[in-house]
Amino acid sequence: MLVDMTSSARKLLDEVLALPEGERIEIASEILASVDGPPDADWEAAWSTELDRRADAARKRGEPASDWTAARARILANLGRP
């Protein structure tokens, strides 16, 4: 429970929570970015390298690729969301 929240912050939160999921995600992303500090210049290149490494490893194991719709559905199911 958010007991230290001001009434104006609570009102804003209630309004944000009433928005569609996509808009809530955008707002949450912007808020997180505002407290995350300066961007890491090497992050994107490092993450791209890691994704390539994981994809190559999966291909070598013969794992079939999933399309985004199926992968998203599995992720949401694991999180207990529809």
PDB file of N, CA and C in Angstrom:
ATOM      1  N   MET A   1       0.842  -1.188   0.000  1.00  0.00           N
ATOM      2  CA  MET A   1       0.000   0.000   0.000  1.00  0.00           C
ATOM      3  C   MET A   1       0.878   1.239   0.000  1.00  0.00           C
ATOM      4  N   LEU A   2       0.466   2.229  -0.697  1.00  0.00           N
ATOM      5  CA  LEU A   2       1.229   3.460  -0.852  1.00  0.00           C
ATOM      6  C   LEU A   2       0.749   4.487   0.167  1.00  0.00           C
ATOM      7  N   VAL A   3       1.206   4.374   1.405  1.00  0.00           N
ATOM      8  CA  VAL A   3       0.702   5.214   2.481  1.00  0.00           C
ATOM      9  C   VAL A   3       1.298   6.616   2.490  1.00  0.00           C
ATOM     10  N   ASP A   4       2.487   6.815   1.946  1.00  0.00           N
ATOM     11  CA  ASP A   4       3.136   8.122   1.962  1.00  0.00           C
ATOM     12  C   ASP A   4       2.793   8.986   0.751  1.00  0.00           C
ATOM     13  N   MET A   5       1.836   8.577  -0.033  1.00  0.00           N
ATOM     14  CA  MET A   5       1.487   9.298  -1.250  1.00  0.00           C
ATOM     15  C   MET A   5       0.562  10.467  -0.923  1.00  0.00           C
ATOM     16  N   THR A   6       0.838  11.634  -1.533  1.00  0.00           N
ATOM     17  CA  THR A   6      -0.043  12.787  -1.344  1.00  0.00           C
ATOM     18  C   THR A   6      -1.379  12.525  -2.024  1.00  0.00           C
ATOM     19  N   SER A   7      -2.372  13.303  -1.662  1.00  0.00           N
ATOM     20  CA  SER A   7      -3.688  13.118  -2.273  1.00  0.00           C
ATOM     21  C   SER A   7      -3.654  13.424  -3.767  1.00  0.00           C
ATOM     22  N   SER A   8      -2.857  14.417  -4.170  1.00  0.00           N
ATOM     23  CA  SER A   8      -2.782  14.719  -5.611  1.00  0.00           C
ATOM     24  C   SER A   8      -2.076  13.588  -6.367  1.00  0.00           C
ATOM     25  N   ALA A   9      -1.039  12.993  -5.756  1.00  0.00           N
ATOM     26  CA  ALA A   9      -0.364  11.858  -6.391  1.00  0.00           C
ATOM     27  C   ALA A   9      -1.309  10.668  -6.461  1.00  0.00           C
ATOM     28  N   ARG A  10      -2.078  10.427  -5.419  1.00  0.00           N
ATOM     29  CA  ARG A  10      -3.039   9.310  -5.405  1.00  0.00           C
ATOM     30  C   ARG A  10      -4.089   9.516  -6.492  1.00  0.00           C
ATOM     31  N   LYS A  11      -4.567  10.754  -6.645  1.00  0.00           N
ATOM     32  CA  LYS A  11      -5.567  11.058  -7.681  1.00  0.00           C
ATOM     33  C   LYS A  11      -4.972  10.799  -9.066  1.00  0.00           C
ATOM     34  N   LEU A  12      -3.729  11.253  -9.270  1.00  0.00           N
ATOM     35  CA  LEU A  12      -3.060  11.028 -10.552  1.00  0.00           C
ATOM     36  C   LEU A  12      -2.894   9.536 -10.820  1.00  0.00           C
ATOM     37  N   LEU A  13      -2.480   8.792  -9.802  1.00  0.00           N
ATOM     38  CA  LEU A  13      -2.334   7.345  -9.962  1.00  0.00           C
ATOM     39  C   LEU A  13      -3.661   6.699 -10.336  1.00  0.00           C
ATOM     40  N   ASP A  14      -4.726   7.084  -9.664  1.00  0.00           N
ATOM     41  CA  ASP A  14      -6.047   6.524  -9.980  1.00  0.00           C
ATOM     42  C   ASP A  14      -6.438   6.816 -11.427  1.00  0.00           C
ATOM     43  N   GLU A  15      -6.131   8.036 -11.896  1.00  0.00           N
ATOM     44  CA  GLU A  15      -6.437   8.393 -13.281  1.00  0.00           C
ATOM     45  C   GLU A  15      -5.605   7.573 -14.260  1.00  0.00           C
ATOM     46  N   VAL A  16      -4.324   7.390 -13.949  1.00  0.00           N
ATOM     47  CA  VAL A  16      -3.449   6.609 -14.819  1.00  0.00           C
ATOM     48  C   VAL A  16      -3.909   5.156 -14.863  1.00  0.00           C
ATOM     49  N   LEU A  17      -4.280   4.615 -13.721  1.00  0.00           N
ATOM     50  CA  LEU A  17      -4.716   3.211 -13.681  1.00  0.00           C
ATOM     51  C   LEU A  17      -6.006   2.977 -14.458  1.00  0.00           C
ATOM     52  N   ALA A  18      -6.757   4.026 -14.710  1.00  0.00           N
ATOM     53  CA  ALA A  18      -7.997   3.904 -15.485  1.00  0.00           C
ATOM     54  C   ALA A  18      -7.742   3.931 -16.995  1.00  0.00           C
ATOM     55  N   LEU A  19      -6.519   4.255 -17.404  1.00  0.00           N
ATOM     56  CA  LEU A  19      -6.180   4.310 -18.832  1.00  0.00           C
ATOM     57  C   LEU A  19      -6.044   2.907 -19.416  1.00  0.00           C
ATOM     58  N   PRO A  20      -6.115   2.792 -20.731  1.00  0.00           N
ATOM     59  CA  PRO A  20      -5.871   1.500 -21.378  1.00  0.00           C
ATOM     60  C   PRO A  20      -4.436   1.023 -21.103  1.00  0.00           C
ATOM     61  N   GLU A  21      -4.247  -0.278 -21.164  1.00  0.00           N
ATOM     62  CA  GLU A  21      -2.964  -0.887 -20.838  1.00  0.00           C
ATOM     63  C   GLU A  21      -1.797  -0.265 -21.601  1.00  0.00           C
ATOM     64  N   GLY A  22      -1.944  -0.059 -22.884  1.00  0.00           N
ATOM     65  CA  GLY A  22      -0.854   0.491 -23.690  1.00  0.00           C
ATOM     66  C   GLY A  22      -0.406   1.860 -23.204  1.00  0.00           C
ATOM     67  N   GLU A  23      -1.366   2.704 -22.839  1.00  0.00           N
ATOM     68  CA  GLU A  23      -1.023   4.032 -22.334  1.00  0.00           C
ATOM     69  C   GLU A  23      -0.370   3.934 -20.962  1.00  0.00           C
ATOM     70  N   ARG A  24      -0.835   3.013 -20.121  1.00  0.00           N
ATOM     71  CA  ARG A  24      -0.214   2.821 -18.803  1.00  0.00           C
ATOM     72  C   ARG A  24       1.231   2.367 -18.953  1.00  0.00           C
ATOM     73  N   ILE A  25       1.483   1.488 -19.914  1.00  0.00           N
ATOM     74  CA  ILE A  25       2.841   1.005 -20.156  1.00  0.00           C
ATOM     75  C   ILE A  25       3.738   2.156 -20.599  1.00  0.00           C
ATOM     76  N   GLU A  26       3.243   2.999 -21.498  1.00  0.00           N
ATOM     77  CA  GLU A  26       4.025   4.152 -21.958  1.00  0.00           C
ATOM     78  C   GLU A  26       4.357   5.080 -20.794  1.00  0.00           C
ATOM     79  N   ILE A  27       3.378   5.358 -19.953  1.00  0.00           N
ATOM     80  CA  ILE A  27       3.596   6.245 -18.806  1.00  0.00           C
ATOM     81  C   ILE A  27       4.590   5.618 -17.832  1.00  0.00           C
ATOM     82  N   ALA A  28       4.413   4.330 -17.541  1.00  0.00           N
ATOM     83  CA  ALA A  28       5.336   3.640 -16.630  1.00  0.00           C
ATOM     84  C   ALA A  28       6.749   3.668 -17.183  1.00  0.00           C
ATOM     85  N   SER A  29       6.889   3.467 -18.465  1.00  0.00           N
ATOM     86  CA  SER A  29       8.207   3.490 -19.096  1.00  0.00           C
ATOM     87  C   SER A  29       8.855   4.862 -18.954  1.00  0.00           C
ATOM     88  N   GLU A  30       8.100   5.903 -19.178  1.00  0.00           N
ATOM     89  CA  GLU A  30       8.626   7.265 -19.052  1.00  0.00           C
ATOM     90  C   GLU A  30       9.013   7.574 -17.606  1.00  0.00           C
ATOM     91  N   ILE A  31       8.199   7.148 -16.650  1.00  0.00           N
ATOM     92  CA  ILE A  31       8.515   7.389 -15.239  1.00  0.00           C
ATOM     93  C   ILE A  31       9.784   6.646 -14.855  1.00  0.00           C
ATOM     94  N   LEU A  32       9.889   5.386 -15.255  1.00  0.00           N
ATOM     95  CA  LEU A  32      11.102   4.622 -14.944  1.00  0.00           C
ATOM     96  C   LEU A  32      12.336   5.261 -15.573  1.00  0.00           C
ATOM     97  N   ALA A  33      12.208   5.712 -16.800  1.00  0.00           N
ATOM     98  CA  ALA A  33      13.339   6.346 -17.479  1.00  0.00           C
ATOM     99  C   ALA A  33      13.763   7.628 -16.759  1.00  0.00           C
ATOM    100  N   SER A  34      12.808   8.307 -16.141  1.00  0.00           N
ATOM    101  CA  SER A  34      13.128   9.564 -15.466  1.00  0.00           C
ATOM    102  C   SER A  34      13.924   9.367 -14.186  1.00  0.00           C
ATOM    103  N   VAL A  35      13.907   8.169 -13.616  1.00  0.00           N
ATOM    104  CA  VAL A  35      14.645   7.898 -12.369  1.00  0.00           C
ATOM    105  C   VAL A  35      15.791   6.927 -12.576  1.00  0.00           C
ATOM    106  N   ASP A  36      15.995   6.509 -13.794  1.00  0.00           N
ATOM    107  CA  ASP A  36      16.989   5.479 -14.094  1.00  0.00           C
ATOM    108  C   ASP A  36      18.397   6.024 -14.250  1.00  0.00           C
ATOM    109  N   GLY A  37      18.539   7.319 -14.355  1.00  0.00           N
ATOM    110  CA  GLY A  37      19.861   7.892 -14.562  1.00  0.00           C
ATOM    111  C   GLY A  37      20.164   7.994 -16.045  1.00  0.00           C
ATOM    112  N   PRO A  38      21.377   8.432 -16.356  1.00  0.00           N
ATOM    113  CA  PRO A  38      21.725   8.608 -17.772  1.00  0.00           C
ATOM    114  C   PRO A  38      21.796   7.262 -18.491  1.00  0.00           C
ATOM    115  N   PRO A  39      21.433   7.264 -19.769  1.00  0.00           N
ATOM    116  CA  PRO A  39      21.477   6.011 -20.522  1.00  0.00           C
ATOM    117  C   PRO A  39      22.907   5.489 -20.648  1.00  0.00           C
ATOM    118  N   ASP A  40      23.030   4.185 -20.650  1.00  0.00           N
ATOM    119  CA  ASP A  40      24.325   3.532 -20.833  1.00  0.00           C
ATOM    120  C   ASP A  40      24.597   3.464 -22.332  1.00  0.00           C
ATOM    121  N   ALA A  41      25.646   4.117 -22.755  1.00  0.00           N
ATOM    122  CA  ALA A  41      25.958   4.201 -24.185  1.00  0.00           C
ATOM    123  C   ALA A  41      26.182   2.833 -24.818  1.00  0.00           C
ATOM    124  N   ASP A  42      26.684   1.883 -24.058  1.00  0.00           N
ATOM    125  CA  ASP A  42      26.995   0.558 -24.602  1.00  0.00           C
ATOM    126  C   ASP A  42      25.861  -0.444 -24.453  1.00  0.00           C
ATOM    127  N   TRP A  43      24.769  -0.057 -23.794  1.00  0.00           N
ATOM    128  CA  TRP A  43      23.700  -0.995 -23.489  1.00  0.00           C
ATOM    129  C   TRP A  43      23.105  -1.618 -24.743  1.00  0.00           C
ATOM    130  N   GLU A  44      22.749  -0.791 -25.708  1.00  0.00           N
ATOM    131  CA  GLU A  44      22.069  -1.307 -26.899  1.00  0.00           C
ATOM    132  C   GLU A  44      22.949  -2.305 -27.656  1.00  0.00           C
ATOM    133  N   ALA A  45      24.208  -1.990 -27.829  1.00  0.00           N
ATOM    134  CA  ALA A  45      25.118  -2.896 -28.534  1.00  0.00           C
ATOM    135  C   ALA A  45      25.315  -4.192 -27.744  1.00  0.00           C
ATOM    136  N   ALA A  46      25.445  -4.082 -26.423  1.00  0.00           N
ATOM    137  CA  ALA A  46      25.639  -5.273 -25.592  1.00  0.00           C
ATOM    138  C   ALA A  46      24.403  -6.159 -25.625  1.00  0.00           C
ATOM    139  N   TRP A  47      23.226  -5.555 -25.556  1.00  0.00           N
ATOM    140  CA  TRP A  47      21.996  -6.337 -25.581  1.00  0.00           C
ATOM    141  C   TRP A  47      21.787  -6.980 -26.947  1.00  0.00           C
ATOM    142  N   SER A  48      22.099  -6.278 -28.010  1.00  0.00           N
ATOM    143  CA  SER A  48      21.993  -6.840 -29.350  1.00  0.00           C
ATOM    144  C   SER A  48      22.910  -8.051 -29.500  1.00  0.00           C
ATOM    145  N   THR A  49      24.134  -7.946 -28.985  1.00  0.00           N
ATOM    146  CA  THR A  49      25.077  -9.069 -29.027  1.00  0.00           C
ATOM    147  C   THR A  49      24.531 -10.258 -28.243  1.00  0.00           C
ATOM    148  N   GLU A  50      23.959  -9.983 -27.078  1.00  0.00           N
ATOM    149  CA  GLU A  50      23.395 -11.053 -26.251  1.00  0.00           C
ATOM    150  C   GLU A  50      22.211 -11.726 -26.940  1.00  0.00           C
ATOM    151  N   LEU A  51      21.351 -10.935 -27.572  1.00  0.00           N
ATOM    152  CA  LEU A  51      20.209 -11.511 -28.296  1.00  0.00           C
ATOM    153  C   LEU A  51      20.684 -12.398 -29.443  1.00  0.00           C
ATOM    154  N   ASP A  52      21.689 -11.944 -30.161  1.00  0.00           N
ATOM    155  CA  ASP A  52      22.248 -12.751 -31.252  1.00  0.00           C
ATOM    156  C   ASP A  52      22.822 -14.060 -30.708  1.00  0.00           C
ATOM    157  N   ARG A  53      23.526 -13.985 -29.583  1.00  0.00           N
ATOM    158  CA  ARG A  53      24.112 -15.174 -28.973  1.00  0.00           C
ATOM    159  C   ARG A  53      23.021 -16.176 -28.572  1.00  0.00           C
ATOM    160  N   ARG A  54      21.955 -15.669 -27.965  1.00  0.00           N
ATOM    161  CA  ARG A  54      20.858 -16.552 -27.539  1.00  0.00           C
ATOM    162  C   ARG A  54      20.143 -17.167 -28.739  1.00  0.00           C
ATOM    163  N   ALA A  55      19.914 -16.372 -29.774  1.00  0.00           N
ATOM    164  CA  ALA A  55      19.246 -16.884 -30.969  1.00  0.00           C
ATOM    165  C   ALA A  55      20.092 -17.955 -31.644  1.00  0.00           C
ATOM    166  N   ASP A  56      21.400 -17.719 -31.739  1.00  0.00           N
ATOM    167  CA  ASP A  56      22.301 -18.717 -32.325  1.00  0.00           C
ATOM    168  C   ASP A  56      22.296 -20.009 -31.517  1.00  0.00           C
ATOM    169  N   ALA A  57      22.332 -19.892 -30.194  1.00  0.00           N
ATOM    170  CA  ALA A  57      22.319 -21.077 -29.329  1.00  0.00           C
ATOM    171  C   ALA A  57      21.017 -21.858 -29.500  1.00  0.00           C
ATOM    172  N   ALA A  58      19.901 -21.161 -29.603  1.00  0.00           N
ATOM    173  CA  ALA A  58      18.612 -21.830 -29.787  1.00  0.00           C
ATOM    174  C   ALA A  58      18.564 -22.542 -31.138  1.00  0.00           C
ATOM    175  N   ARG A  59      19.079 -21.880 -32.182  1.00  0.00           N
ATOM    176  CA  ARG A  59      19.108 -22.510 -33.505  1.00  0.00           C
ATOM    177  C   ARG A  59      19.969 -23.775 -33.486  1.00  0.00           C
ATOM    178  N   LYS A  60      21.117 -23.698 -32.830  1.00  0.00           N
ATOM    179  CA  LYS A  60      22.010 -24.862 -32.750  1.00  0.00           C
ATOM    180  C   LYS A  60      21.368 -26.027 -32.004  1.00  0.00           C
ATOM    181  N   ARG A  61      20.490 -25.710 -31.053  1.00  0.00           N
ATOM    182  CA  ARG A  61      19.774 -26.770 -30.324  1.00  0.00           C
ATOM    183  C   ARG A  61      18.556 -27.259 -31.103  1.00  0.00           C
ATOM    184  N   GLY A  62      18.258 -26.609 -32.217  1.00  0.00           N
ATOM    185  CA  GLY A  62      17.120 -27.012 -33.035  1.00  0.00           C
ATOM    186  C   GLY A  62      15.786 -26.529 -32.508  1.00  0.00           C
ATOM    187  N   GLU A  63      15.801 -25.519 -31.667  1.00  0.00           N
ATOM    188  CA  GLU A  63      14.554 -24.988 -31.118  1.00  0.00           C
ATOM    189  C   GLU A  63      13.839 -24.153 -32.180  1.00  0.00           C
ATOM    190  N   PRO A  64      12.557 -24.401 -32.372  1.00  0.00           N
ATOM    191  CA  PRO A  64      11.811 -23.594 -33.343  1.00  0.00           C
ATOM    192  C   PRO A  64      11.572 -22.190 -32.780  1.00  0.00           C
ATOM    193  N   ALA A  65      11.551 -21.212 -33.662  1.00  0.00           N
ATOM    194  CA  ALA A  65      11.273 -19.834 -33.246  1.00  0.00           C
ATOM    195  C   ALA A  65       9.779 -19.661 -33.025  1.00  0.00           C
ATOM    196  N   SER A  66       9.417 -18.817 -32.086  1.00  0.00           N
ATOM    197  CA  SER A  66       8.016 -18.489 -31.825  1.00  0.00           C
ATOM    198  C   SER A  66       7.705 -17.132 -32.427  1.00  0.00           C
ATOM    199  N   ASP A  67       6.477 -16.973 -32.899  1.00  0.00           N
ATOM    200  CA  ASP A  67       6.091 -15.632 -33.329  1.00  0.00           C
ATOM    201  C   ASP A  67       5.737 -14.818 -32.082  1.00  0.00           C
ATOM    202  N   TRP A  68       5.719 -13.495 -32.228  1.00  0.00           N
ATOM    203  CA  TRP A  68       5.529 -12.617 -31.085  1.00  0.00           C
ATOM    204  C   TRP A  68       4.188 -12.861 -30.401  1.00  0.00           C
ATOM    205  N   THR A  69       3.130 -13.110 -31.135  1.00  0.00           N
ATOM    206  CA  THR A  69       1.814 -13.312 -30.541  1.00  0.00           C
ATOM    207  C   THR A  69       1.829 -14.504 -29.600  1.00  0.00           C
ATOM    208  N   ALA A  70       2.411 -15.609 -30.034  1.00  0.00           N
ATOM    209  CA  ALA A  70       2.479 -16.807 -29.187  1.00  0.00           C
ATOM    210  C   ALA A  70       3.398 -16.581 -27.992  1.00  0.00           C
ATOM    211  N   ALA A  71       4.540 -15.932 -28.224  1.00  0.00           N
ATOM    212  CA  ALA A  71       5.477 -15.670 -27.129  1.00  0.00           C
ATOM    213  C   ALA A  71       4.846 -14.744 -26.098  1.00  0.00           C
ATOM    214  N   ARG A  72       4.172 -13.697 -26.545  1.00  0.00           N
ATOM    215  CA  ARG A  72       3.516 -12.759 -25.623  1.00  0.00           C
ATOM    216  C   ARG A  72       2.440 -13.466 -24.818  1.00  0.00           C
ATOM    217  N   ALA A  73       1.660 -14.321 -25.454  1.00  0.00           N
ATOM    218  CA  ALA A  73       0.615 -15.052 -24.739  1.00  0.00           C
ATOM    219  C   ALA A  73       1.211 -15.935 -23.644  1.00  0.00           C
ATOM    220  N   ARG A  74       2.337 -16.598 -23.944  1.00  0.00           N
ATOM    221  CA  ARG A  74       3.000 -17.429 -22.919  1.00  0.00           C
ATOM    222  C   ARG A  74       3.518 -16.581 -21.764  1.00  0.00           C
ATOM    223  N   ILE A  75       4.107 -15.463 -22.092  1.00  0.00           N
ATOM    224  CA  ILE A  75       4.634 -14.568 -21.054  1.00  0.00           C
ATOM    225  C   ILE A  75       3.509 -14.084 -20.152  1.00  0.00           C
ATOM    226  N   LEU A  76       2.428 -13.613 -20.750  1.00  0.00           N
ATOM    227  CA  LEU A  76       1.297 -13.113 -19.959  1.00  0.00           C
ATOM    228  C   LEU A  76       0.671 -14.229 -19.133  1.00  0.00           C
ATOM    229  N   ALA A  77       0.585 -15.430 -19.691  1.00  0.00           N
ATOM    230  CA  ALA A  77       0.043 -16.562 -18.934  1.00  0.00           C
ATOM    231  C   ALA A  77       0.924 -16.871 -17.733  1.00  0.00           C
ATOM    232  N   ASN A  78       2.240 -16.802 -17.921  1.00  0.00           N
ATOM    233  CA  ASN A  78       3.166 -17.032 -16.803  1.00  0.00           C
ATOM    234  C   ASN A  78       3.039 -15.966 -15.737  1.00  0.00           C
ATOM    235  N   LEU A  79       2.671 -14.773 -16.146  1.00  0.00           N
ATOM    236  CA  LEU A  79       2.467 -13.666 -15.197  1.00  0.00           C
ATOM    237  C   LEU A  79       1.071 -13.687 -14.593  1.00  0.00           C
ATOM    238  N   GLY A  80       0.231 -14.609 -15.050  1.00  0.00           N
ATOM    239  CA  GLY A  80      -1.127 -14.717 -14.534  1.00  0.00           C
ATOM    240  C   GLY A  80      -2.058 -13.663 -15.087  1.00  0.00           C
ATOM    241  N   ARG A  81      -1.764 -13.175 -16.303  1.00  0.00           N
ATOM    242  CA  ARG A  81      -2.611 -12.165 -16.928  1.00  0.00           C
ATOM    243  C   ARG A  81      -3.188 -12.717 -18.218  1.00  0.00           C
ATOM    244  N   PRO A  82      -4.372 -12.249 -18.584  1.00  0.00           N
ATOM    245  CA  PRO A  82      -4.991 -12.708 -19.857  1.00  0.00           C
ATOM    246  C   PRO A  82      -4.319 -12.142 -21.077  1.00  0.00           C
TER     247      PRO A  82
END
